């Protein structure tokens, strides 16, 4: 299953709200709770944990080490549950720490299940790289999503030698990121380097044309719902 054909289970559900950290570990004052009516009685989950049961993961907000650890753990857990069933990642992120994003990206490539990606809202910077890093043919945008790519940002203070070391590391990081984008989009390294020189914003259709995603999902079809 991928994000294009995800349909919630048929169990009876009641939605409430409660203070909860949820599957993402993010403090939110209004995390909906799902109460399922089962043969053994009621069982309640926060909405993100319930969707995790359906192999749906959310990357929302700034990408940093704590979030990356949680996403990696969820990917590894879902692989252990079923190594042959797709995992879906919904992305709405302005980007964040490159090394944290690379931890998620490398795990997406490492595990056996295909990882389908869908941009909802925005996928910028590392969020865009994770979007493009989904399984071939299973990368999507919703119609009004925005995608943005650029070169890595960084700053350092200290002795001239230390500044030079960090500058060379940022340049090396830029080349690695450009290589990944080139691999997943089919664009040349020169083209990627030129297009990431400054913030480069794309509409959903532009992202599909560029190769960041495979298609734009405008509505769920009857076939997708089956």
Protein backbone atom coordinates (compact mmCIF):
# COMPACT_ATOMS: atom_id res chain seq x y z
CA UNK A 1 0.00 0.00 0.00
CA UNK A 2 1.21 3.52 -0.69
CA UNK A 3 -0.07 6.99 0.08
CA UNK A 4 -2.18 7.08 -3.06
CA UNK A 5 -4.45 4.27 -1.92
CA UNK A 6 -4.45 4.50 1.89
CA UNK A 7 -7.94 4.02 3.33
CA UNK A 8 -8.48 3.74 7.11
CA UNK A 9 -9.68 0.44 8.53
CA UNK A 10 -13.35 -0.35 8.89
CA UNK A 11 -13.41 -0.40 12.69
CA UNK A 12 -15.87 1.91 14.38
CA UNK A 13 -13.99 4.99 15.58
CA UNK A 14 -14.83 7.92 17.82
CA UNK A 15 -12.60 11.02 17.69
CA UNK A 16 -11.88 12.99 20.86
CA UNK A 17 -9.12 15.43 21.86
CA UNK A 18 -6.63 15.08 24.68
CA UNK A 19 -3.27 16.40 25.83
CA UNK A 20 -0.84 13.84 24.47
CA UNK A 21 2.61 13.46 22.96
CA UNK A 22 1.53 10.96 20.33
CA UNK A 23 3.62 8.74 18.08
CA UNK A 24 5.77 11.66 16.95
CA UNK A 25 6.71 12.63 20.48
CA UNK A 26 5.50 16.16 19.82
CA UNK A 27 3.70 17.96 22.63
CA UNK A 28 0.35 19.13 21.34
CA UNK A 29 -2.58 20.36 23.39
CA UNK A 30 -5.13 19.02 20.93
CA UNK A 31 -4.06 15.60 19.71
CA UNK A 32 -7.20 13.71 18.63
CA UNK A 33 -7.79 10.37 20.31
CA UNK A 34 -9.30 7.48 18.36
CA UNK A 35 -11.51 5.05 20.28
CA UNK A 36 -12.05 1.75 18.49
CA UNK A 37 -14.93 -0.55 19.32
CA UNK A 38 -13.52 -4.07 19.16
CA UNK A 39 -14.74 -7.51 20.21
CA UNK A 40 -12.69 -7.10 23.38
CA UNK A 41 -14.11 -3.69 24.20
CA UNK A 42 -12.84 -0.17 23.62
CA UNK A 43 -9.25 0.65 22.77
CA UNK A 44 -7.98 4.22 22.46
CA UNK A 45 -4.98 5.61 20.58
CA UNK A 46 -3.76 9.07 19.75
CA UNK A 47 -4.39 9.67 16.05
CA UNK A 48 -0.71 9.39 15.06
CA UNK A 49 -0.28 6.04 16.80
CA UNK A 50 -3.45 4.78 15.13
CA UNK A 51 -2.15 5.81 11.71
CA UNK A 52 1.20 4.19 12.51
CA UNK A 53 -0.70 0.89 12.74
CA UNK A 54 -1.69 1.53 9.11
CA UNK A 55 2.03 2.12 8.28
CA UNK A 56 1.63 5.89 7.98
CA UNK A 57 4.38 8.16 9.36
CA UNK A 58 4.33 11.97 9.60
CA UNK A 59 7.32 14.29 9.20
CA UNK A 60 5.94 17.62 10.38
CA UNK A 61 7.90 20.73 11.36
CA UNK A 62 11.62 21.23 11.81
CA UNK A 63 13.77 18.17 11.16
CA UNK A 64 16.16 17.73 14.09
CA UNK A 65 17.89 14.89 15.91
CA UNK A 66 15.04 13.96 18.26
CA UNK A 67 12.51 13.83 15.43
CA UNK A 68 14.94 11.87 13.25
CA UNK A 69 15.44 9.25 15.97
CA UNK A 70 11.67 8.80 16.28
CA UNK A 71 11.17 8.53 12.51
CA UNK A 72 14.03 6.04 12.17
CA UNK A 73 12.61 3.96 15.02
CA UNK A 74 9.17 3.91 13.38
CA UNK A 75 10.64 2.87 10.03
CA UNK A 76 12.61 0.02 11.62
CA UNK A 77 9.60 -1.10 13.64
CA UNK A 78 7.33 -1.21 10.58
CA UNK A 79 9.98 -3.15 8.66
CA UNK A 80 10.11 -5.72 11.47
CA UNK A 81 6.31 -5.97 11.42
CA UNK A 82 6.14 -6.65 7.68
CA UNK A 83 9.22 -6.29 5.45
CA UNK A 84 7.17 -6.65 2.26
CA UNK A 85 4.48 -4.01 2.83
CA UNK A 86 4.91 -0.37 1.80
CA UNK A 87 5.36 2.44 4.33
CA UNK A 88 3.84 5.87 3.69
CA UNK A 89 5.45 9.13 4.84
CA UNK A 90 3.49 12.39 4.81
CA UNK A 91 5.79 15.44 4.76
CA UNK A 92 4.99 19.00 5.83
CA UNK A 93 8.35 20.46 6.78
CA UNK A 94 10.44 23.60 6.24
CA UNK A 95 13.60 21.49 6.55
CA UNK A 96 16.13 21.47 9.34
CA UNK A 97 19.42 19.87 10.33
CA UNK A 98 21.14 18.14 7.41
CA UNK A 99 22.61 15.28 9.45
CA UNK A 100 19.23 14.55 11.04
CA UNK A 101 17.58 14.49 7.63
CA UNK A 102 20.30 12.22 6.27
CA UNK A 103 19.66 9.75 9.10
CA UNK A 104 16.04 9.50 7.94
CA UNK A 105 17.01 9.36 4.25
CA UNK A 106 19.60 6.61 4.75
CA UNK A 107 17.12 4.53 6.74
CA UNK A 108 14.48 4.95 4.01
CA UNK A 109 16.98 3.55 1.50
CA UNK A 110 18.25 0.85 3.88
CA UNK A 111 15.03 -0.88 4.88
CA UNK A 112 13.35 -3.47 2.66
CA UNK A 113 9.81 -2.01 2.31
CA UNK A 114 9.21 0.63 -0.33
CA UNK A 115 8.72 4.04 1.27
CA UNK A 116 6.07 6.15 -0.44
CA UNK A 117 6.26 9.92 0.14
CA UNK A 118 3.59 12.61 -0.08
CA UNK A 119 4.04 16.37 0.33
CA UNK A 120 1.22 18.10 2.17
CA UNK A 121 1.73 21.84 2.62
CA UNK A 122 5.45 22.20 2.02
CA UNK A 123 8.61 20.17 1.62
CA UNK A 124 11.58 22.52 1.79
CA UNK A 125 15.32 21.97 2.10
CA UNK A 126 15.84 18.56 3.78
CA UNK A 127 12.09 17.99 3.57
CA UNK A 128 12.38 18.21 -0.22
CA UNK A 129 15.25 15.73 -0.28
CA UNK A 130 13.22 13.24 1.77
CA UNK A 131 10.27 13.74 -0.57
CA UNK A 132 12.43 13.01 -3.61
CA UNK A 133 14.01 10.04 -1.82
CA UNK A 134 10.81 8.00 -1.78
CA UNK A 135 10.45 4.82 -3.81
CA UNK A 136 10.39 5.35 -7.56
CA UNK A 137 6.84 5.77 -8.84
CA UNK A 138 5.50 6.35 -5.31
CA UNK A 139 6.37 10.02 -4.68
CA UNK A 140 3.47 12.47 -4.67
CA UNK A 141 2.40 16.06 -4.03
CA UNK A 142 -1.03 17.45 -3.30
CA UNK A 143 -2.08 20.23 -5.72
CA UNK A 144 -1.25 23.26 -3.58
CA UNK A 145 1.93 21.92 -1.99
CA UNK A 146 5.17 23.85 -2.31
CA UNK A 147 8.62 22.34 -2.73
CA UNK A 148 11.86 24.26 -2.20
CA UNK A 149 15.46 23.22 -2.78
CA UNK A 150 18.63 25.16 -1.96
CA UNK A 151 22.23 24.65 -0.91
CA UNK A 152 23.00 23.88 2.74
CA UNK A 153 23.29 26.78 5.16
CA UNK A 154 25.94 27.10 7.84
CA UNK A 155 27.96 29.51 9.91
CA UNK A 156 30.95 29.23 12.20
CA UNK A 157 33.08 31.52 14.33
CA UNK A 158 36.62 30.88 15.45
CA UNK A 159 40.17 30.77 14.17
CA UNK A 160 40.75 31.07 10.43
CA UNK A 161 41.87 27.44 10.21
CA UNK A 162 38.70 26.21 11.93
CA UNK A 163 36.53 28.38 9.68
CA UNK A 164 38.28 26.89 6.65
CA UNK A 165 37.64 23.35 7.93
CA UNK A 166 33.93 24.03 8.37
CA UNK A 167 33.68 25.78 5.00
CA UNK A 168 35.15 22.72 3.29
CA UNK A 169 32.72 20.48 5.17
CA UNK A 170 29.75 22.57 3.99
CA UNK A 171 30.99 22.39 0.39
CA UNK A 172 31.41 18.62 0.70
CA UNK A 173 27.91 18.37 2.17
CA UNK A 174 26.52 20.43 -0.71
CA UNK A 175 28.06 18.02 -3.22
CA UNK A 176 26.59 15.00 -1.41
CA UNK A 177 23.12 16.55 -1.30
CA UNK A 178 23.30 17.56 -4.96
CA UNK A 179 24.35 14.02 -5.87
CA UNK A 180 21.31 12.60 -4.05
CA UNK A 181 18.93 15.03 -5.76
CA UNK A 182 20.51 14.23 -9.13
CA UNK A 183 20.04 10.51 -8.53
CA UNK A 184 16.35 10.80 -7.66
CA UNK A 185 15.30 13.53 -10.12
CA UNK A 186 17.33 12.55 -13.17
CA UNK A 187 18.72 16.08 -13.42
CA UNK A 188 22.43 16.58 -14.05
CA UNK A 189 24.77 17.62 -11.25
CA UNK A 190 25.42 20.91 -13.05
CA UNK A 191 21.67 21.57 -13.29
CA UNK A 192 21.13 20.75 -9.61
CA UNK A 193 24.07 22.96 -8.62
CA UNK A 194 22.68 25.87 -10.62
CA UNK A 195 19.12 25.43 -9.36
CA UNK A 196 20.13 25.19 -5.69
CA UNK A 197 22.40 28.25 -5.74
CA UNK A 198 19.51 30.22 -4.23
CA UNK A 199 16.12 29.25 -2.75
CA UNK A 200 14.24 27.57 -5.61
CA UNK A 201 10.50 27.27 -5.04
CA UNK A 202 8.32 24.93 -7.09
CA UNK A 203 4.61 24.34 -7.38
CA UNK A 204 3.36 20.76 -7.24
CA UNK A 205 3.27 20.57 -11.05
CA UNK A 206 6.75 22.12 -11.29
CA UNK A 207 8.05 19.53 -8.80
CA UNK A 208 6.59 16.71 -10.89
CA UNK A 209 8.14 18.12 -14.06
CA UNK A 210 11.50 18.51 -12.32
CA UNK A 211 11.44 14.92 -11.05
CA UNK A 212 11.07 15.67 -7.35
CA UNK A 213 7.82 13.68 -7.37
CA UNK A 214 6.21 11.26 -9.79
CA UNK A 215 2.72 12.74 -9.88
CA UNK A 216 0.30 15.23 -8.34
CA UNK A 217 -2.67 13.70 -6.51
CA UNK A 218 -5.76 15.84 -7.09
CA UNK A 219 -8.40 13.45 -5.77
CA UNK A 220 -8.70 9.86 -4.67
CA UNK A 221 -9.92 7.63 -7.48
CA UNK A 222 -12.25 4.66 -7.11
CA UNK A 223 -9.33 2.34 -7.88
CA UNK A 224 -7.17 4.02 -5.22
CA UNK A 225 -9.86 3.50 -2.60
CA UNK A 226 -10.04 -0.24 -3.07
